């Protein structure tokens, strides 16, 4: 059973104790930020989760499935997702190795320090 937007809203509502309307607003705002960023052609990187990338697909040959006639399919942009090593390890049921976990926390701390220093 897939996780739905309604499930996410309910989870935020229960875990954070926010009113339901506020949980909806937070979820909708986050998703809108992600959609706008991707629509502008920028990637979205969520540390510890993964990266949504906008890729350009070239024009290519295709076939009309009803007639079998060859045709050219136009170029387009698609969104791909590459999960982080942290998420991959969690999905595969294992805990991260101590070295990998330490690397992750060191990188996270370095980024936090740089933000605090205004870099």
Protein backbone atom coordinates (compact mmCIF):
# COMPACT_ATOMS: atom_id res chain seq x y z
CA UNK A 1 0.00 0.00 0.00
CA UNK A 2 1.60 3.29 -1.06
CA UNK A 3 2.08 6.27 1.23
CA UNK A 4 -0.31 9.02 0.14
CA UNK A 5 -0.32 12.76 0.70
CA UNK A 6 -3.16 12.26 3.19
CA UNK A 7 -1.00 9.75 5.10
CA UNK A 8 1.84 12.27 5.27
CA UNK A 9 -0.52 14.97 6.55
CA UNK A 10 -1.91 12.62 9.22
CA UNK A 11 1.59 11.61 10.26
CA UNK A 12 2.69 15.25 10.65
CA UNK A 13 -0.52 15.98 12.55
CA UNK A 14 0.05 13.13 15.03
CA UNK A 15 3.83 13.24 15.38
CA UNK A 16 4.18 17.00 15.76
CA UNK A 17 0.83 17.71 17.34
CA UNK A 18 0.07 20.39 14.77
CA UNK A 19 -3.54 21.19 13.95
CA UNK A 20 -4.75 19.32 10.88
CA UNK A 21 -5.07 22.56 8.85
CA UNK A 22 -1.48 23.52 9.68
CA UNK A 23 -0.27 20.01 8.75
CA UNK A 24 -1.99 20.37 5.37
CA UNK A 25 -0.41 23.80 4.86
CA UNK A 26 3.09 22.54 5.73
CA UNK A 27 2.79 19.54 3.40
CA UNK A 28 1.34 21.55 0.51
CA UNK A 29 4.01 24.25 0.91
CA UNK A 30 6.85 21.72 0.90
CA UNK A 31 5.51 19.95 -2.17
CA UNK A 32 4.95 23.26 -3.98
CA UNK A 33 8.55 24.34 -3.29
CA UNK A 34 9.82 21.04 -4.70
CA UNK A 35 7.55 21.28 -7.78
CA UNK A 36 8.55 24.89 -8.52
CA UNK A 37 12.24 24.08 -8.16
CA UNK A 38 12.00 21.10 -10.51
CA UNK A 39 9.87 23.05 -13.01
CA UNK A 40 12.59 25.71 -13.15
CA UNK A 41 15.10 22.99 -14.15
CA UNK A 42 16.95 22.85 -10.83
CA UNK A 43 17.68 19.68 -8.90
CA UNK A 44 16.35 19.06 -5.37
CA UNK A 45 18.78 17.52 -2.87
CA UNK A 46 17.40 16.34 0.47
CA UNK A 47 20.25 15.23 2.69
CA UNK A 48 19.84 11.69 3.99
CA UNK A 49 16.97 11.06 1.56
CA UNK A 50 18.06 11.57 -2.04
CA UNK A 51 18.22 13.81 -5.07
CA UNK A 52 15.52 14.63 -7.61
CA UNK A 53 17.22 15.49 -10.92
CA UNK A 54 15.77 17.15 -14.02
CA UNK A 55 17.13 15.46 -17.15
CA UNK A 56 16.69 16.49 -20.77
CA UNK A 57 15.64 13.72 -23.13
CA UNK A 58 16.54 14.03 -26.80
CA UNK A 59 14.08 13.68 -29.65
CA UNK A 60 13.77 10.00 -30.53
CA UNK A 61 12.15 7.57 -32.90
CA UNK A 62 9.00 5.89 -31.74
CA UNK A 63 6.07 3.95 -33.08
CA UNK A 64 2.33 4.54 -32.95
CA UNK A 65 1.07 1.43 -31.13
CA UNK A 66 -2.29 1.50 -32.92
CA UNK A 67 -0.99 1.81 -36.48
CA UNK A 68 2.59 0.62 -36.16
CA UNK A 69 3.64 3.76 -38.04
CA UNK A 70 7.10 5.19 -37.24
CA UNK A 71 7.13 8.69 -35.80
CA UNK A 72 9.44 11.12 -34.03
CA UNK A 73 8.79 11.78 -30.35
CA UNK A 74 9.73 15.30 -29.26
CA UNK A 75 12.38 16.20 -26.74
CA UNK A 76 11.22 16.51 -23.15
CA UNK A 77 12.35 16.89 -19.58
CA UNK A 78 11.94 14.12 -17.03
CA UNK A 79 12.52 13.88 -13.28
CA UNK A 80 14.66 11.09 -11.91
CA UNK A 81 15.35 10.16 -8.29
CA UNK A 82 18.58 8.84 -6.84
CA UNK A 83 18.32 7.78 -3.23
CA UNK A 84 21.09 8.61 -0.79
CA UNK A 85 23.38 5.97 0.64
CA UNK A 86 21.72 6.50 4.00
CA UNK A 87 18.28 5.70 2.62
CA UNK A 88 19.60 2.82 0.50
CA UNK A 89 21.15 1.21 3.58
CA UNK A 90 17.95 1.69 5.56
CA UNK A 91 15.81 0.18 2.79
CA UNK A 92 18.10 -2.82 2.58
CA UNK A 93 17.50 -3.52 6.27
CA UNK A 94 21.04 -2.96 7.35
CA UNK A 95 22.49 -0.25 9.43
CA UNK A 96 25.15 1.86 7.87
CA UNK A 97 28.68 0.78 8.56
CA UNK A 98 30.32 2.77 11.34
CA UNK A 99 32.67 4.45 8.85
CA UNK A 100 29.84 5.45 6.54
CA UNK A 101 27.72 6.69 9.44
CA UNK A 102 30.64 8.77 10.76
CA UNK A 103 31.24 10.23 7.28
CA UNK A 104 27.58 11.15 7.00
CA UNK A 105 27.55 12.92 10.39
CA UNK A 106 30.85 14.72 9.65
CA UNK A 107 29.50 16.03 6.32
CA UNK A 108 26.26 17.09 7.99
CA UNK A 109 28.17 18.94 10.73
CA UNK A 110 30.43 20.62 8.16
CA UNK A 111 27.41 21.89 6.23
CA UNK A 112 25.79 23.14 9.44
CA UNK A 113 29.01 24.97 10.41
CA UNK A 114 29.28 26.57 6.98
CA UNK A 115 25.68 27.79 7.16
CA UNK A 116 26.30 29.27 10.61
CA UNK A 117 29.38 31.09 9.30
CA UNK A 118 27.43 32.38 6.30
CA UNK A 119 29.44 30.48 3.68
